[in-house]
Amino acid sequence: MAWRLSLTGAALILTAAAHGQTLFAKDPGVQFSAEQAARGETAYARACVACHGAALEGSQFGPALKGEAFRSRWRGRSRAELFELMRTTMPPRGLGAVSAQAYADIEAYVLRENGIEPSALAQEDAPAAKPRAVQASASEASIMTPARAEQDAFLEAALSARAAKLARLTPVTDALLADPPPADWLVWRRTYDGLGFSPLAQIDRSNVGRLRTAWSWALPESGNEITPLVHGGVMFVYSGPVVQALDAATGELLWQYLRALPDGLDNGRGSRMKTLALHGEKLFAPTADGHVIALDMRTGALLWDQAVVVNDAAPTPVGLQLNGGPIVAGGKVIIGVSLGIQTGGGCYIVGLDVETGEERWRFHTIARPGEPGGDTWNDAPLEERFGGGVWTAGSYDPELDLVYFGIANTYTTATLLEPRPGADGVTNNDALYTNATVALRPRTGELVWHYQHHPRDVWDLDWVYEQSIVTLEIEGRPRKVVVTGGKTAIFDVVDAATGTWIFSEDLGVQNVIAAIDPVTGEKTINPAVLPEKGKTKLVCPGNFGARNWPATAMHPETKRMYVPIMESCA
């Protein structure tokens, strides 16, 4: 009896090993090192064990990842399918929590535990996964729930309802963007004019105190400054490496697009985007690796992918980034570039073809030597001119056919404060087009006008925020204006067609501007805050600003503007 049991045990071991070797047996991509599998065991314990069990045995929250049921499911399929399914659906509520290399290591661990031997010739790099959309369907999500062999009427009904909701989405036309339905939020501040106003009236003073949570959704970890868009009851949101479409009424995931990012970007944890954009049947999104992508708004399928930023291996904190958001106007997807703390020549705004993604024009936010405004940089060469970041989305006036962007400050104040070698002193150092509003033609990128709100800003007091377009009664007649404020919480009002200064409003929480000329709008700097070597100065506000990226809102009828303010000094 002992001999027979021992023989049976040996047969079982041999059978299990044979099953393991037949899993992905004809797939040349099944190569991994022992070191990868060991790292994968550690990563699995951190990210997967709660649902799939310490021994990959599965639980009520996730299926087994080894054994006959697992092998039966994956026999005849490719290792690349397994990797892609893991990368695009796991962890269910923590996409972006695992790096591309960690996914490859976890896969190696799973394969090892299913009897596949490590290879001494294995490549250590993670598989190159092409970004793709993942439909939230039974076939893609089945690794998240126990497999069902029988038909599930409830599941089928839910999937049909989801498909029907997406199919009902109508194209986002220019007319729709100019006059959206009350329940839609189609651009960063809801409407082209940047007012951030919703006409919905269901919630008011009588019932706001009774509001309760209807649903919540956990976003992947990131800087997360996103304003979700809503169209036809579908909410579009982006965080870290993931763009997602949710049912706005229930929070149910409809589809998601997961982007494979370089490991150096840490799955987009440090990224921050303000908004997405919609036009036609496309959803446009900036990505953590400096691209703009177009997705099918009904499926999440990738339609085009255009690189806007090339950092040439510059570290993320100092390289150029896309952390604002796009606006669509004149057949172009228009977006600004920010940061580039060590990028000589500064930042820019691009116009991409809405159908193909091809770059059609580029406007440099740092004036070039020999061009208009190029003589405002203290005679510094282009490679010593930094900044001019654009980290909010623009506004658009269809009647004037102008897009408006705010532009930030310089990052290297010595360029403006110190005489050039051999020079007797500092020359013109207004530093165009920093701290300015620029009005551009959306089809060509032509600069129509600019207004510099704060020349020679050496205190990091950006004037980069939303440009609100509104018609005000001025001197007894209606006049279309652009209203915008900087970190000093001074708001300038300029003519929308010409950029002519009209008036300013100082909210009284700053000490940098001592006076504003009531005729010209010219600002006088307080001498007490001017930089002096070796001397400490009290500056209000500090570099976080009296107002920052939390945007203003304006009621189009009352003309009242609502401004988030914080008092600070440094």
Protein backbone atom coordinates (compact mmCIF):
# COMPACT_ATOMS: atom_id res chain seq x y z
CA MET A 1 0.00 0.00 0.00
CA ALA A 2 2.84 2.37 0.85
CA TRP A 3 4.47 1.65 -2.54
CA ARG A 4 1.20 2.26 -4.40
CA LEU A 5 0.57 5.57 -2.59
CA SER A 6 4.10 6.74 -3.29
CA LEU A 7 3.72 5.87 -6.95
CA THR A 8 0.38 7.66 -7.12
CA GLY A 9 1.91 10.76 -5.54
CA ALA A 10 4.71 10.69 -8.08
CA ALA A 11 2.20 10.39 -10.89
CA LEU A 12 0.30 13.40 -9.57
CA ILE A 13 3.46 15.48 -9.39
CA LEU A 14 4.45 14.47 -12.89
CA THR A 15 0.96 15.28 -14.18
CA ALA A 16 1.00 18.72 -12.58
CA ALA A 17 4.42 19.45 -14.06
CA ALA A 18 3.25 18.29 -17.46
CA HIS A 19 0.22 20.55 -17.25
CA GLY A 20 2.48 23.45 -16.28
CA GLN A 21 4.76 22.92 -19.25
CA THR A 22 1.82 22.84 -21.67
CA LEU A 23 0.63 26.28 -20.47
CA PHE A 24 1.85 28.73 -23.15
CA ALA A 25 4.13 25.93 -24.39
CA LYS A 26 4.28 27.27 -27.95
CA ASP A 27 4.61 30.92 -26.94
CA PRO A 28 8.20 32.17 -27.54
CA GLY A 29 7.51 35.10 -25.24
CA VAL A 30 7.39 32.90 -22.13
CA GLN A 31 10.79 33.77 -20.72
CA PHE A 32 11.53 35.12 -17.28
CA SER A 33 14.38 34.99 -14.83
CA ALA A 34 14.43 33.55 -11.34
CA GLU A 35 15.11 37.06 -10.05
CA GLN A 36 11.97 38.34 -11.78
CA ALA A 37 9.83 35.64 -10.22
CA ALA A 38 11.30 36.38 -6.78
CA ARG A 39 10.52 40.08 -7.16
CA GLY A 40 7.08 39.13 -8.41
CA GLU A 41 6.40 37.11 -5.26
CA THR A 42 7.07 40.23 -3.19
CA ALA A 43 4.95 42.44 -5.45
CA TYR A 44 2.14 39.87 -5.41
CA ALA A 45 2.12 39.88 -1.62
CA ARG A 46 1.73 43.64 -1.65
CA ALA A 47 -0.88 44.06 -4.40
CA CYS A 48 -2.69 40.76 -5.05
CA VAL A 49 -2.75 38.48 -2.02
CA ALA A 50 -5.90 39.96 -0.45
CA CYS A 51 -8.09 38.77 -3.34
CA HIS A 52 -6.20 35.83 -4.84
CA GLY A 53 -4.80 34.23 -1.69
CA ALA A 54 -1.33 33.70 -0.25
CA ALA A 55 -0.83 30.54 -2.32
CA LEU A 56 -2.67 31.82 -5.43
CA GLU A 57 -5.54 29.56 -4.39
CA GLY A 58 -8.23 32.20 -4.93
CA SER A 59 -10.98 33.41 -2.64
CA GLN A 60 -14.50 34.80 -2.76
CA PHE A 61 -12.95 38.04 -4.05
CA GLY A 62 -10.77 36.65 -6.86
CA PRO A 63 -10.18 33.40 -8.77
CA ALA A 64 -7.28 31.02 -8.34
CA LEU A 65 -4.16 31.88 -10.33
CA LYS A 66 -2.77 28.36 -10.41
CA GLY A 67 -4.13 24.87 -10.69
CA GLU A 68 -6.28 23.11 -13.27
CA ALA A 69 -9.01 25.76 -13.44
CA PHE A 70 -6.44 28.46 -14.21
CA ARG A 71 -4.58 26.29 -16.72
CA SER A 72 -7.80 25.28 -18.44
CA ARG A 73 -8.79 28.87 -18.89
CA TRP A 74 -5.46 29.91 -20.39
CA ARG A 75 -4.56 26.80 -22.38
CA GLY A 76 -4.42 27.71 -26.05
CA ARG A 77 -4.13 31.44 -25.34
CA SER A 78 -1.02 33.62 -25.33
CA ARG A 79 1.09 34.87 -22.48
CA ALA A 80 0.66 38.39 -23.91
CA GLU A 81 -3.09 38.10 -23.32
CA LEU A 82 -2.48 37.21 -19.68
CA PHE A 83 -0.09 40.12 -19.22
CA GLU A 84 -2.45 42.57 -20.90
CA LEU A 85 -5.41 41.43 -18.82
CA MET A 86 -3.42 41.79 -15.61
CA ARG A 87 -2.08 45.21 -16.61
CA THR A 88 -5.42 46.65 -17.66
CA THR A 89 -7.74 45.33 -14.95
CA MET A 90 -5.67 44.75 -11.81
CA PRO A 91 -5.94 45.80 -9.04
CA PRO A 92 -9.66 46.45 -9.66
CA ARG A 93 -9.80 49.70 -7.68
CA GLY A 94 -6.11 50.54 -7.84
CA LEU A 95 -5.08 50.87 -11.47
CA GLY A 96 -1.82 52.74 -11.55
CA ALA A 97 -0.73 51.35 -8.18
CA VAL A 98 1.58 48.79 -9.85
CA SER A 99 4.43 49.70 -12.19
CA ALA A 100 4.91 48.13 -15.63
CA GLN A 101 7.96 46.24 -14.35
CA ALA A 102 6.04 44.98 -11.31
CA TYR A 103 3.30 43.62 -13.57
CA ALA A 104 5.92 41.65 -15.53
CA ASP A 105 7.45 40.39 -12.28
CA ILE A 106 4.06 39.26 -10.92
CA GLU A 107 3.37 37.45 -14.19
CA ALA A 108 6.73 35.69 -13.86
CA TYR A 109 5.79 34.60 -10.33
CA VAL A 110 2.41 33.27 -11.50
CA LEU A 111 4.06 31.33 -14.33
CA ARG A 112 6.66 29.87 -11.97
CA GLU A 113 3.94 28.75 -9.57
CA ASN A 114 2.23 27.01 -12.50
CA GLY A 115 5.30 24.87 -13.18
CA ILE A 116 7.07 26.90 -15.85
CA GLU A 117 10.81 27.04 -15.27
CA PRO A 118 12.76 30.33 -15.29
CA SER A 119 15.14 30.87 -18.21
CA ALA A 120 18.72 32.00 -17.88
CA LEU A 121 18.31 33.86 -21.20
CA ALA A 122 15.26 35.82 -20.12
CA GLN A 123 15.07 39.57 -20.72
CA GLU A 124 14.52 41.59 -17.57
CA ASP A 125 12.55 44.37 -19.23
CA ALA A 126 8.79 44.46 -18.91
CA PRO A 127 6.89 43.54 -22.07
CA ALA A 128 6.19 46.54 -24.28
CA ALA A 129 2.45 46.89 -23.87
CA LYS A 130 0.72 48.98 -26.47
CA PRO A 131 -1.78 51.39 -24.87
CA ARG A 132 -5.30 50.21 -25.46
CA ALA A 133 -8.83 50.67 -24.27
CA VAL A 134 -10.40 48.12 -21.98
CA GLN A 135 -14.15 47.64 -22.26
CA ALA A 136 -15.64 46.86 -18.87
CA SER A 137 -17.13 43.59 -20.12
CA ALA A 138 -17.40 40.07 -18.75
CA SER A 139 -14.55 38.74 -20.88
CA GLU A 140 -12.10 41.45 -19.75
CA ALA A 141 -13.17 41.52 -16.11
CA SER A 142 -13.59 37.80 -15.52
CA ILE A 143 -10.25 37.61 -13.68
CA MET A 144 -11.84 39.89 -11.08
CA THR A 145 -14.80 37.60 -10.32
CA PRO A 146 -15.39 33.84 -10.22
CA ALA A 147 -15.83 32.43 -13.74
CA ARG A 148 -19.40 31.59 -14.76
CA ALA A 149 -20.09 28.76 -17.13
CA GLU A 150 -23.84 29.40 -17.21
CA GLN A 151 -25.67 32.32 -18.78
CA ASP A 152 -26.32 35.11 -16.28
CA ALA A 153 -29.44 37.06 -17.20
CA PHE A 154 -28.67 39.89 -14.79
CA LEU A 155 -25.15 40.27 -16.13
CA GLU A 156 -26.35 40.25 -19.73
CA ALA A 157 -28.98 42.88 -18.93
CA ALA A 158 -26.39 45.10 -17.24
CA LEU A 159 -24.02 44.81 -20.19
CA SER A 160 -26.80 45.61 -22.63
CA ALA A 161 -27.82 48.69 -20.63
CA ARG A 162 -24.20 49.84 -20.53
CA ALA A 163 -23.81 49.43 -24.30
CA ALA A 164 -27.08 51.25 -24.93
CA LYS A 165 -26.02 54.21 -22.76
CA LEU A 166 -22.78 54.61 -24.67
CA ALA A 167 -24.53 54.20 -28.03
CA ARG A 168 -26.89 57.07 -27.18
CA LEU A 169 -24.01 59.55 -26.90
CA THR A 170 -24.44 62.19 -29.60
CA PRO A 171 -21.54 63.90 -31.40
CA VAL A 172 -20.24 67.03 -29.67
CA THR A 173 -20.58 69.69 -32.36
CA ASP A 174 -19.30 73.27 -32.41
CA ALA A 175 -22.89 74.40 -31.79
CA LEU A 176 -23.16 72.10 -28.77
CA LEU A 177 -19.90 73.44 -27.33
CA ALA A 178 -21.14 77.01 -27.82
CA ASP A 179 -24.49 76.29 -26.13
CA PRO A 180 -24.40 73.03 -24.12
CA PRO A 181 -27.48 71.37 -22.59
CA PRO A 182 -27.92 72.33 -18.90
CA ALA A 183 -26.88 68.87 -17.64
CA ASP A 184 -23.71 68.70 -19.76
CA TRP A 185 -20.24 69.93 -18.72
CA LEU A 186 -18.29 69.81 -21.98
CA VAL A 187 -15.16 71.90 -21.34
CA TRP A 188 -13.01 72.81 -18.34
CA ARG A 189 -15.25 75.62 -17.03
CA ARG A 190 -18.37 74.09 -18.67
CA THR A 191 -18.66 76.68 -21.45
CA TYR A 192 -16.24 78.27 -23.90
CA ASP A 193 -16.42 81.59 -22.01
CA GLY A 194 -14.80 80.07 -18.92
CA LEU A 195 -17.45 81.21 -16.44
CA GLY A 196 -17.84 77.92 -14.54
CA PHE A 197 -21.58 78.51 -14.26
CA SER A 198 -24.26 75.79 -14.26
CA PRO A 199 -27.88 76.73 -15.04
CA LEU A 200 -29.22 73.70 -13.17
CA ALA A 201 -31.61 74.82 -10.42
CA GLN A 202 -32.74 71.60 -8.75
CA ILE A 203 -30.39 72.14 -5.79
CA ASP A 204 -31.01 75.39 -3.90
CA ARG A 205 -30.91 76.80 -0.36
CA SER A 206 -34.00 74.87 0.64
CA ASN A 207 -32.54 71.41 0.01
CA VAL A 208 -28.74 71.69 -0.11
CA GLY A 209 -28.51 70.63 3.53
CA ARG A 210 -30.13 67.29 2.70
CA LEU A 211 -27.58 66.23 0.10
CA ARG A 212 -26.10 62.78 0.66
CA THR A 213 -23.49 60.67 -1.12
CA ALA A 214 -25.05 58.84 -4.08
CA TRP A 215 -21.86 57.01 -5.13
CA SER A 216 -18.10 57.33 -4.99
CA TRP A 217 -15.26 56.15 -7.19
CA ALA A 218 -11.60 55.65 -6.23
CA LEU A 219 -9.20 57.24 -8.71
CA PRO A 220 -5.64 56.03 -9.29
CA GLU A 221 -3.11 58.02 -7.30
CA SER A 222 -1.94 61.27 -8.92
CA GLY A 223 -1.76 65.03 -8.29
CA ASN A 224 -5.44 64.95 -9.30
CA GLU A 225 -6.60 68.45 -10.26
CA ILE A 226 -8.99 67.11 -12.89
CA THR A 227 -12.40 68.58 -13.68
CA PRO A 228 -14.50 65.69 -15.03
CA LEU A 229 -16.51 66.23 -18.21
CA VAL A 230 -20.14 65.09 -18.54
CA HIS A 231 -22.03 64.44 -21.76
CA GLY A 232 -25.29 62.56 -22.15
CA GLY A 233 -25.13 61.13 -18.64
CA VAL A 234 -21.56 59.80 -19.09
CA MET A 235 -18.74 61.21 -16.96
CA PHE A 236 -15.17 61.24 -18.30
CA VAL A 237 -12.32 61.46 -15.80
CA TYR A 238 -8.56 60.98 -15.84
CA SER A 239 -6.01 60.25 -13.11
CA GLY A 240 -2.50 58.79 -13.19
CA PRO A 241 -2.33 56.44 -16.19
CA VAL A 242 -6.08 55.87 -16.63
CA VAL A 243 -8.87 57.60 -18.56
CA GLN A 244 -12.29 56.30 -17.48
CA ALA A 245 -15.90 56.69 -18.57
CA LEU A 246 -18.44 56.30 -15.76
CA ASP A 247 -22.21 56.29 -15.62
CA ALA A 248 -22.80 59.70 -14.04
CA ALA A 249 -25.95 58.49 -12.27
CA THR A 250 -24.55 55.31 -10.71
CA GLY A 251 -20.73 55.52 -10.85
CA GLU A 252 -20.58 52.30 -12.85
CA LEU A 253 -17.45 51.88 -14.98
CA LEU A 254 -18.35 51.89 -18.68
CA TRP A 255 -14.87 51.71 -20.18
CA GLN A 256 -11.31 52.64 -19.35
CA TYR A 257 -8.09 53.36 -21.22
CA LEU A 258 -4.91 52.44 -19.39
CA ARG A 259 -1.67 53.91 -20.69
CA ALA A 260 1.65 52.11 -20.32
CA LEU A 261 4.03 54.73 -18.92
CA PRO A 262 7.81 54.60 -18.50
CA ASP A 263 8.80 53.37 -15.04
CA GLY A 264 10.46 56.72 -14.35
CA LEU A 265 7.01 58.36 -14.31
CA ASP A 266 5.87 56.09 -11.45
CA ASN A 267 2.54 55.34 -13.15
CA GLY A 268 1.70 59.02 -13.35
CA ARG A 269 1.59 59.56 -9.59
CA GLY A 270 3.19 62.97 -9.97
CA SER A 271 1.07 64.02 -12.93
CA ARG A 272 -1.73 66.57 -12.73
CA MET A 273 -4.11 67.55 -15.50
CA LYS A 274 -6.88 70.11 -15.23
CA THR A 275 -9.26 68.77 -17.84
CA LEU A 276 -10.07 66.74 -20.96
CA ALA A 277 -11.86 67.90 -24.13
CA LEU A 278 -14.68 66.58 -26.33
CA HIS A 279 -15.41 67.16 -30.00
CA GLY A 280 -17.30 65.09 -32.52
CA GLU A 281 -17.08 61.50 -31.29
CA LYS A 282 -13.64 61.97 -29.75
CA LEU A 283 -12.37 62.49 -26.22
CA PHE A 284 -8.99 64.25 -26.02
CA ALA A 285 -6.61 63.80 -23.10
CA PRO A 286 -3.08 64.94 -22.22
CA THR A 287 -0.90 62.15 -20.83
CA ALA A 288 1.79 61.98 -18.16
CA ASP A 289 4.41 61.17 -20.81
CA GLY A 290 3.76 64.35 -22.77
CA HIS A 291 1.38 63.16 -25.47
CA VAL A 292 -2.14 64.17 -26.45
CA ILE A 293 -4.39 61.25 -27.35
CA ALA A 294 -7.79 60.98 -29.02
CA LEU A 295 -10.12 58.23 -27.81
CA ASP A 296 -13.46 57.06 -29.14
CA MET A 297 -15.83 58.51 -26.54
CA ARG A 298 -18.13 55.46 -26.79
CA THR A 299 -15.49 52.71 -26.48
CA GLY A 300 -12.23 54.25 -25.27
CA ALA A 301 -10.44 52.95 -28.38
CA LEU A 302 -7.28 54.86 -29.23
CA LEU A 303 -7.77 56.88 -32.43
CA TRP A 304 -4.53 58.87 -32.54
CA ASP A 305 -1.54 59.60 -30.35
CA GLN A 306 0.61 62.71 -30.80
CA ALA A 307 3.80 63.55 -28.90
CA VAL A 308 3.78 67.20 -27.77
CA VAL A 309 6.66 67.13 -25.28
CA VAL A 310 10.03 65.46 -25.81
CA ASN A 311 12.19 65.80 -22.71
CA ASP A 312 15.22 63.85 -23.95
CA ALA A 313 15.51 62.03 -20.62
CA ALA A 314 15.26 65.23 -18.53
CA PRO A 315 14.04 64.40 -15.00
CA THR A 316 10.29 64.80 -14.62
CA PRO A 317 10.41 67.62 -12.02
CA VAL A 318 12.43 69.86 -14.36
CA GLY A 319 11.26 68.70 -17.80
CA LEU A 320 8.36 70.07 -19.82
CA GLN A 321 4.95 68.69 -18.89
CA LEU A 322 1.31 68.75 -19.93
CA ASN A 323 -0.53 69.64 -16.73
CA GLY A 324 -3.19 72.00 -18.05
CA GLY A 325 -5.78 70.73 -20.47
CA PRO A 326 -6.99 71.00 -24.06
CA ILE A 327 -9.67 73.12 -25.68
CA VAL A 328 -11.06 72.43 -29.16
CA ALA A 329 -11.71 75.38 -31.49
CA GLY A 330 -11.38 75.99 -35.21
CA GLY A 331 -10.73 72.33 -35.96
CA LYS A 332 -7.72 72.25 -33.61
CA VAL A 333 -7.00 70.67 -30.24
CA ILE A 334 -5.16 73.49 -28.47
CA ILE A 335 -3.07 72.91 -25.35
CA GLY A 336 -0.22 74.63 -23.53
CA VAL A 337 3.00 73.16 -22.12
CA SER A 338 4.28 73.94 -18.64
CA LEU A 339 7.31 73.69 -16.32
CA GLY A 340 10.58 73.03 -18.14
CA ILE A 341 12.52 74.61 -15.30
CA GLN A 342 15.78 73.79 -17.09
CA THR A 343 14.43 74.04 -20.64
CA GLY A 344 16.03 77.01 -22.40
CA GLY A 345 13.62 78.75 -24.73
CA GLY A 346 10.65 78.10 -22.47
CA CYS A 347 7.19 76.74 -23.06
CA TYR A 348 4.67 76.88 -25.89
CA ILE A 349 1.09 76.35 -27.03
CA VAL A 350 0.30 73.95 -29.88
CA GLY A 351 -2.65 73.46 -32.21
CA LEU A 352 -3.21 69.83 -33.28
CA ASP A 353 -5.44 68.71 -36.11
CA VAL A 354 -8.63 67.41 -34.52
CA GLU A 355 -8.88 64.50 -36.98
CA THR A 356 -5.27 63.31 -37.16
CA GLY A 357 -3.42 64.83 -34.20
CA GLU A 358 -0.80 66.35 -36.50
CA GLU A 359 0.74 69.53 -35.10
CA ARG A 360 -0.42 72.46 -37.27
CA TRP A 361 1.09 75.37 -35.36
CA ARG A 362 3.15 76.30 -32.33
CA PHE A 363 3.21 79.58 -30.42
CA HIS A 364 6.24 80.16 -28.19
CA THR A 365 5.31 81.81 -24.90
CA ILE A 366 8.84 83.18 -24.51
CA ALA A 367 9.51 85.91 -27.10
CA ARG A 368 12.39 85.06 -29.43
CA PRO A 369 15.36 87.37 -30.08
CA GLY A 370 14.73 89.38 -33.23
CA GLU A 371 10.95 88.93 -33.00
CA PRO A 372 8.31 91.21 -31.41
CA GLY A 373 8.91 91.21 -27.65
CA GLY A 374 12.28 89.54 -28.09
CA ASP A 375 14.09 92.60 -26.71
CA THR A 376 12.39 92.33 -23.29
CA TRP A 377 14.72 89.72 -21.79
CA ASN A 378 17.68 91.81 -20.63
CA ASP A 379 19.55 90.81 -23.81
CA ALA A 380 19.73 87.19 -22.62
CA PRO A 381 20.21 84.54 -25.32
CA LEU A 382 17.29 82.21 -25.97
CA GLU A 383 18.84 79.31 -24.06
CA GLU A 384 18.83 81.45 -20.90
CA ARG A 385 15.13 82.34 -21.13
CA PHE A 386 12.99 79.99 -19.05
CA GLY A 387 9.35 79.52 -18.08
CA GLY A 388 6.23 80.96 -19.62
CA GLY A 389 4.30 77.85 -18.60
CA VAL A 390 0.65 77.31 -19.55
CA TRP A 391 -0.96 75.13 -16.89
CA THR A 392 -4.63 75.93 -17.33
CA ALA A 393 -6.91 75.41 -20.31
CA GLY A 394 -7.88 78.29 -22.56
CA SER A 395 -11.18 80.04 -23.29
CA TYR A 396 -12.72 80.70 -26.70
CA ASP A 397 -15.00 83.33 -28.21
CA PRO A 398 -16.65 82.00 -31.41
CA GLU A 399 -17.83 85.46 -32.47
CA LEU A 400 -14.32 86.96 -32.35
CA ASP A 401 -12.71 83.61 -33.26
CA LEU A 402 -10.06 84.03 -30.58
CA VAL A 403 -8.67 81.64 -27.99
CA TYR A 404 -7.31 83.16 -24.78
CA PHE A 405 -4.56 81.73 -22.58
CA GLY A 406 -2.84 82.96 -19.43
CA ILE A 407 0.93 82.52 -19.27
CA ALA A 408 3.03 82.04 -16.14
CA ASN A 409 6.25 83.64 -14.92
CA THR A 410 9.92 82.95 -15.55
CA TYR A 411 11.72 80.31 -13.49
CA THR A 412 15.15 81.98 -13.39
CA THR A 413 14.99 85.50 -11.98
CA ALA A 414 18.73 86.15 -12.38
CA THR A 415 18.15 86.48 -16.13
CA LEU A 416 16.06 89.58 -15.41
CA LEU A 417 17.84 91.01 -12.37
CA GLU A 418 21.56 90.76 -13.20
CA PRO A 419 23.43 92.71 -15.92
CA ARG A 420 24.76 90.66 -18.82
CA PRO A 421 28.52 90.13 -18.92
CA GLY A 422 30.15 93.32 -20.14
CA ALA A 423 26.94 95.39 -19.83
CA ASP A 424 26.74 98.55 -17.72
CA GLY A 425 23.37 97.58 -16.28
CA VAL A 426 20.08 95.82 -16.78
CA THR A 427 18.20 96.54 -20.00
CA ASN A 428 14.50 96.03 -20.81
CA ASN A 429 13.45 93.11 -18.62
CA ASP A 430 9.64 92.95 -18.91
CA ALA A 431 10.06 89.31 -20.09
CA LEU A 432 7.29 88.86 -22.63
CA TYR A 433 5.03 86.92 -22.73
CA THR A 434 5.24 85.94 -19.06
CA ASN A 435 2.32 86.93 -16.82
CA ALA A 436 0.31 87.91 -19.88
CA THR A 437 -2.96 87.08 -21.58
CA VAL A 438 -2.50 86.17 -25.25
CA ALA A 439 -5.29 86.05 -27.84
CA LEU A 440 -4.60 83.63 -30.72
CA ARG A 441 -6.34 82.58 -33.93
CA PRO A 442 -7.26 78.93 -33.32
CA ARG A 443 -6.69 77.83 -36.93
CA THR A 444 -3.23 79.34 -37.34
CA GLY A 445 -1.83 80.24 -33.90
CA GLU A 446 -1.43 83.88 -35.00
CA LEU A 447 -0.98 86.27 -32.08
CA VAL A 448 -3.73 88.89 -32.39
CA TRP A 449 -2.99 90.75 -29.15
CA HIS A 450 -1.37 90.38 -25.77
CA TYR A 451 -1.66 92.20 -22.48
CA GLN A 452 1.05 91.80 -19.84
CA HIS A 453 -0.53 92.04 -16.40
CA HIS A 454 2.67 91.96 -14.35
CA PRO A 455 5.96 92.72 -16.17
CA ARG A 456 9.25 91.47 -14.70
CA ASP A 457 7.71 89.14 -12.13
CA VAL A 458 10.56 87.95 -9.91
CA TRP A 459 8.33 86.80 -7.02
CA ASP A 460 6.70 83.73 -8.68
CA LEU A 461 3.29 85.45 -8.82
CA ASP A 462 1.90 83.78 -11.95
CA TRP A 463 -0.96 85.28 -13.97
CA VAL A 464 -1.80 82.01 -15.70
CA TYR A 465 -5.39 81.34 -14.71
CA GLU A 466 -8.79 81.15 -16.38
CA GLN A 467 -9.82 83.85 -18.83
CA SER A 468 -13.52 84.66 -18.24
CA ILE A 469 -15.30 86.20 -21.22
CA VAL A 470 -18.33 88.32 -20.33
CA THR A 471 -20.20 91.36 -21.61
CA LEU A 472 -20.29 94.25 -19.13
CA GLU A 473 -21.91 97.65 -19.33
CA ILE A 474 -19.03 100.11 -19.42
CA GLU A 475 -19.60 103.84 -19.79
CA GLY A 476 -23.22 103.20 -20.73
CA ARG A 477 -22.66 100.62 -23.46
CA PRO A 478 -22.15 96.84 -23.59
CA ARG A 479 -18.55 95.75 -24.05
CA LYS A 480 -17.20 92.21 -24.36
CA VAL A 481 -14.25 91.80 -21.98
CA VAL A 482 -11.83 89.23 -20.63
CA VAL A 483 -11.52 89.10 -16.83
CA THR A 484 -8.57 87.35 -15.24
CA GLY A 485 -6.64 87.51 -11.97
CA GLY A 486 -3.17 86.46 -10.85
CA LYS A 487 -1.75 85.15 -7.59
CA THR A 488 -1.90 88.68 -6.18
CA ALA A 489 -5.73 88.51 -6.41
CA ILE A 490 -5.71 91.59 -8.59
CA PHE A 491 -8.20 91.16 -11.42
CA ASP A 492 -7.68 92.96 -14.72
CA VAL A 493 -10.49 93.62 -17.19
CA VAL A 494 -9.37 94.03 -20.83
CA ASP A 495 -11.23 94.38 -24.12
CA ALA A 496 -11.80 90.92 -25.63
CA ALA A 497 -11.22 92.11 -29.21
CA THR A 498 -8.16 94.32 -28.70
CA GLY A 499 -6.63 93.60 -25.28
CA THR A 500 -7.01 97.25 -24.25
CA TRP A 501 -6.95 97.65 -20.47
CA ILE A 502 -10.25 98.92 -19.02
CA PHE A 503 -10.01 98.64 -15.23
CA SER A 504 -8.57 96.55 -12.37
CA GLU A 505 -9.88 95.34 -9.02
CA ASP A 506 -7.47 94.67 -6.14
CA LEU A 507 -8.97 92.36 -3.49
CA GLY A 508 -6.60 93.78 -0.88
CA VAL A 509 -4.49 90.80 0.17
CA GLN A 510 -1.16 91.76 -1.45
CA ASN A 511 1.67 94.24 -0.88
CA VAL A 512 3.58 93.89 -4.18
CA ILE A 513 1.62 96.37 -6.30
CA ALA A 514 1.56 99.81 -4.67
CA ALA A 515 -0.63 101.56 -7.23
CA ILE A 516 -2.48 101.05 -10.53
CA ASP A 517 -2.74 104.00 -12.91
CA PRO A 518 -6.47 104.67 -13.45
CA VAL A 519 -5.89 105.75 -17.07
CA THR A 520 -3.28 103.32 -18.41
CA GLY A 521 -3.52 100.41 -15.96
CA GLU A 522 0.26 100.52 -15.41
CA LYS A 523 1.20 98.93 -12.09
CA THR A 524 3.74 100.44 -9.72
CA ILE A 525 5.81 98.01 -7.66
CA ASN A 526 6.14 98.60 -3.92
CA PRO A 527 9.83 99.53 -3.39
CA ALA A 528 9.83 97.68 -0.05
CA VAL A 529 9.56 94.29 -1.78
CA LEU A 530 12.18 94.81 -4.50
CA PRO A 531 14.88 92.11 -4.30
CA GLU A 532 18.15 93.14 -2.64
CA LYS A 533 21.08 90.82 -2.07
CA GLY A 534 21.40 89.72 1.53
CA LYS A 535 18.12 91.26 2.65
CA THR A 536 14.93 89.44 3.65
CA LYS A 537 11.67 90.96 2.46
CA LEU A 538 8.08 90.27 3.53
CA VAL A 539 6.06 89.58 0.39
CA CYS A 540 2.29 89.10 0.38
CA PRO A 541 1.13 86.77 -0.95
CA GLY A 542 3.83 84.11 -0.92
CA ASN A 543 4.50 82.04 -4.00
CA PHE A 544 1.39 79.90 -3.37
CA GLY A 545 -0.64 83.01 -4.09
CA ALA A 546 -3.72 84.66 -2.67
CA ARG A 547 -5.50 82.63 -5.36
CA ASN A 548 -4.18 79.67 -7.33
CA TRP A 549 -5.44 76.88 -9.58
CA PRO A 550 -8.87 76.52 -7.83
CA ALA A 551 -10.82 78.46 -10.43
CA THR A 552 -13.18 81.38 -10.17
CA ALA A 553 -16.82 81.27 -11.27
CA MET A 554 -19.13 84.00 -12.57
CA HIS A 555 -22.89 84.30 -12.78
CA PRO A 556 -23.62 85.56 -16.31
CA GLU A 557 -26.73 87.49 -15.24
CA THR A 558 -25.66 89.10 -11.96
CA LYS A 559 -22.04 89.51 -13.19
CA ARG A 560 -20.86 88.46 -9.74
CA MET A 561 -17.53 86.62 -9.67
CA TYR A 562 -16.77 84.09 -6.94
CA VAL A 563 -13.09 83.81 -6.02
CA PRO A 564 -11.39 81.25 -3.70
CA ILE A 565 -8.96 83.36 -1.64
CA MET A 566 -6.27 82.51 0.91
CA GLU A 567 -4.21 85.05 2.82
CA SER A 568 -0.52 84.25 2.99
CA CYS A 569 2.84 85.97 3.14
CA ALA A 570 6.41 84.76 2.77
